């Protein structure tokens, strides 16, 4: 999936969750010319706090993916060289 209006889809999905909005409603607001910063401020969330929360959740997802990859490797048998 490519970049959507307002940023890559994962950022929009995380923003919708954090701002407690339906993803389609958030997308419509962005398509109407609103920014994530404006929407956050209207909901009492500072734009820097929104950015911090998005980054934190993205880091958690990345760590979980790495953990799953390493765990899968631990279960594989390796051939001696």
Protein backbone atom coordinates (compact mmCIF):
# COMPACT_ATOMS: atom_id res chain seq x y z
CA UNK A 1 0.00 0.00 0.00
CA UNK A 2 1.37 3.42 -0.90
CA UNK A 3 1.28 6.72 0.88
CA UNK A 4 -2.20 8.05 1.51
CA UNK A 5 -3.30 11.60 2.15
CA UNK A 6 -1.61 12.94 5.26
CA UNK A 7 1.03 10.26 5.48
CA UNK A 8 1.54 6.55 5.28
CA UNK A 9 -1.47 4.41 6.24
CA UNK A 10 0.09 3.08 9.50
CA UNK A 11 0.43 6.65 10.78
CA UNK A 12 -3.20 7.35 9.93
CA UNK A 13 -4.39 4.17 11.63
CA UNK A 14 -2.40 4.87 14.76
CA UNK A 15 -3.55 8.49 14.76
CA UNK A 16 -7.18 7.40 14.49
CA UNK A 17 -6.72 5.06 17.46
CA UNK A 18 -4.97 7.68 19.58
CA UNK A 19 -7.45 10.42 18.69
CA UNK A 20 -10.37 8.02 19.20
CA UNK A 21 -11.70 8.58 15.69
CA UNK A 22 -12.98 6.20 13.08
CA UNK A 23 -10.29 5.77 10.40
CA UNK A 24 -12.70 6.81 7.63
CA UNK A 25 -13.66 9.96 9.53
CA UNK A 26 -9.99 10.83 10.00
CA UNK A 27 -9.28 10.24 6.33
CA UNK A 28 -12.21 12.49 5.34
CA UNK A 29 -10.94 15.27 7.59
CA UNK A 30 -7.47 15.02 6.04
CA UNK A 31 -8.88 14.96 2.52
CA UNK A 32 -10.80 18.13 3.41
CA UNK A 33 -7.49 19.84 4.14
CA UNK A 34 -7.17 19.41 7.90
CA UNK A 35 -3.85 18.34 9.39
CA UNK A 36 -3.26 15.70 12.03
CA UNK A 37 -1.87 18.47 14.27
CA UNK A 38 -5.12 20.45 13.96
CA UNK A 39 -7.25 17.40 14.67
CA UNK A 40 -5.10 16.46 17.65
CA UNK A 41 -5.29 19.95 19.16
CA UNK A 42 -9.07 19.97 18.80
CA UNK A 43 -9.16 16.76 20.83
CA UNK A 44 -6.86 18.11 23.53
CA UNK A 45 -3.75 16.27 22.34
CA UNK A 46 -0.60 18.30 21.71
CA UNK A 47 0.92 17.53 18.29
CA UNK A 48 4.25 16.58 19.93
CA UNK A 49 2.41 14.18 22.25
CA UNK A 50 0.64 12.64 19.25
CA UNK A 51 3.99 12.20 17.50
CA UNK A 52 5.49 10.60 20.62
CA UNK A 53 2.58 8.17 20.93
CA UNK A 54 2.74 7.22 17.25
CA UNK A 55 6.49 6.61 17.44
CA UNK A 56 6.09 4.60 20.65
CA UNK A 57 3.47 2.34 19.10
CA UNK A 58 5.51 1.90 15.92
CA UNK A 59 8.54 0.93 18.01
CA UNK A 60 6.45 -1.61 19.93
CA UNK A 61 5.27 -3.16 16.67
CA UNK A 62 8.83 -3.28 15.30
CA UNK A 63 10.13 -4.94 18.47
CA UNK A 64 7.29 -7.49 18.38
CA UNK A 65 8.09 -8.33 14.74
CA UNK A 66 11.78 -8.77 15.59
CA UNK A 67 10.88 -10.92 18.60
CA UNK A 68 8.72 -13.17 16.41
CA UNK A 69 11.48 -13.44 13.80
CA UNK A 70 14.10 -14.39 16.40
CA UNK A 71 11.72 -16.82 18.12
CA UNK A 72 11.07 -18.51 14.78
CA UNK A 73 14.81 -18.82 14.21
CA UNK A 74 15.24 -20.48 17.61
CA UNK A 75 12.88 -23.27 16.55
CA UNK A 76 14.68 -24.04 13.29
CA UNK A 77 17.30 -26.70 12.98
CA UNK A 78 20.52 -25.44 11.47
CA UNK A 79 22.72 -27.55 9.27
CA UNK A 80 26.33 -27.81 10.41
CA UNK A 81 28.89 -26.38 8.02
